[in-house]
Protein backbone atom coordinates (compact mmCIF):
# COMPACT_ATOMS: atom_id res chain seq x y z
CA MET A 1 -34.35 -81.90 17.71
CA PHE A 2 -37.81 -81.81 16.12
CA TRP A 3 -37.19 -84.96 14.04
CA LYS A 4 -35.80 -86.80 17.00
CA GLU A 5 -38.93 -86.03 19.07
CA MET A 6 -41.12 -87.00 16.18
CA TRP A 7 -39.26 -90.26 15.76
CA GLU A 8 -39.48 -91.14 19.44
CA SER A 9 -43.21 -90.40 19.77
CA HIS A 10 -44.55 -91.48 16.37
CA ARG A 11 -42.11 -94.11 15.11
CA GLY A 12 -44.73 -96.62 14.02
CA ARG A 13 -46.82 -94.01 12.21
CA LEU A 14 -43.75 -92.66 10.32
CA ILE A 15 -42.65 -96.13 9.26
CA GLY A 16 -46.24 -97.03 8.29
CA VAL A 17 -46.66 -93.90 6.11
CA ALA A 18 -43.21 -94.39 4.54
CA GLY A 19 -44.07 -98.01 3.73
CA GLY A 20 -47.46 -97.00 2.35
CA ILE A 21 -45.83 -94.31 0.15
CA LEU A 22 -43.20 -96.78 -1.04
CA PHE A 23 -45.66 -99.55 -2.00
CA GLY A 24 -48.14 -97.04 -3.37
CA SER A 25 -45.45 -95.46 -5.57
CA ILE A 26 -44.39 -98.88 -6.88
CA TYR A 27 -48.03 -99.57 -7.78
CA LEU A 28 -48.43 -96.17 -9.50
CA ILE A 29 -45.20 -96.60 -11.52
CA ALA A 30 -45.84 -100.22 -12.50
CA GLY A 31 -49.62 -99.98 -12.95
CA PHE A 32 -52.09 -97.36 -14.09
CA TRP A 33 -52.96 -94.11 -12.33
CA ASN A 34 -55.29 -94.94 -9.48
CA MET A 35 -55.08 -92.39 -6.74
CA LEU A 36 -57.74 -94.05 -4.57
CA PHE A 37 -55.67 -97.23 -4.27
CA PHE A 38 -52.60 -95.14 -3.45
CA ALA A 39 -54.47 -93.32 -0.67
CA LEU A 40 -55.79 -96.64 0.66
CA VAL A 41 -52.29 -98.02 0.91
CA VAL A 42 -51.02 -94.96 2.74
CA PHE A 43 -54.00 -95.07 5.07
CA ILE A 44 -53.41 -98.73 5.86
CA GLY A 45 -49.74 -98.02 6.58
CA TYR A 46 -50.65 -95.12 8.87
CA THR A 47 -53.31 -97.15 10.68
CA LEU A 48 -50.94 -100.05 11.34
CA GLY A 49 -48.24 -97.67 12.52
CA LYS A 50 -50.67 -95.85 14.81
CA ARG A 51 -51.75 -99.16 16.35
CA LYS A 52 -48.08 -99.98 17.00
CA ASP A 53 -47.49 -96.58 18.62
CA LEU A 54 -50.49 -97.01 20.93
CA SER A 55 -49.47 -100.61 21.72
CA GLN A 56 -52.87 -101.92 20.65
CA SER A 57 -53.47 -105.51 19.79
CA SER A 58 -53.29 -106.81 16.24
CA LEU A 59 -56.28 -106.44 13.92
CA VAL A 60 -56.29 -110.21 13.34
CA HIS A 61 -55.93 -112.55 16.30
CA TRP A 62 -53.71 -115.08 14.55
CA ARG A 63 -53.49 -117.64 17.34
CA GLU A 64 -57.27 -117.83 17.72
CA LEU A 65 -57.74 -117.99 13.96
CA GLY A 66 -55.20 -120.81 13.72
CA GLN A 67 -56.92 -122.79 16.46
CA TRP A 68 -60.28 -122.23 14.88
CA LEU A 69 -59.07 -123.38 11.46
CA SER A 70 -57.27 -126.42 12.87
CA SER A 71 -60.40 -127.51 14.74
CA ARG A 72 -62.68 -126.99 11.70
CA TRP A 73 -60.41 -128.25 8.93
CA ARG A 74 -58.20 -131.24 9.48
CA PRO A 75 -56.94 -132.49 6.13
CA PHE A 76 -55.06 -135.49 7.52
CA LYS A 77 -57.59 -137.17 9.85
């Protein structure tokens, strides 16, 4: 019951932290021991999951960025 309630109310955060732990663990196993980077990856996963839970907008506004880039840089004029 507890896990079901947690999953329903904090799904994005749980997925974000799990993803952060997974990618952080891969980095720690494959690379050298760098706990600050591991903590950063977990924090980023948590933050993205929290934004999904709260239905907030994306950190990067991709459509506006694409329009700005296409107006500023046209390689095939």
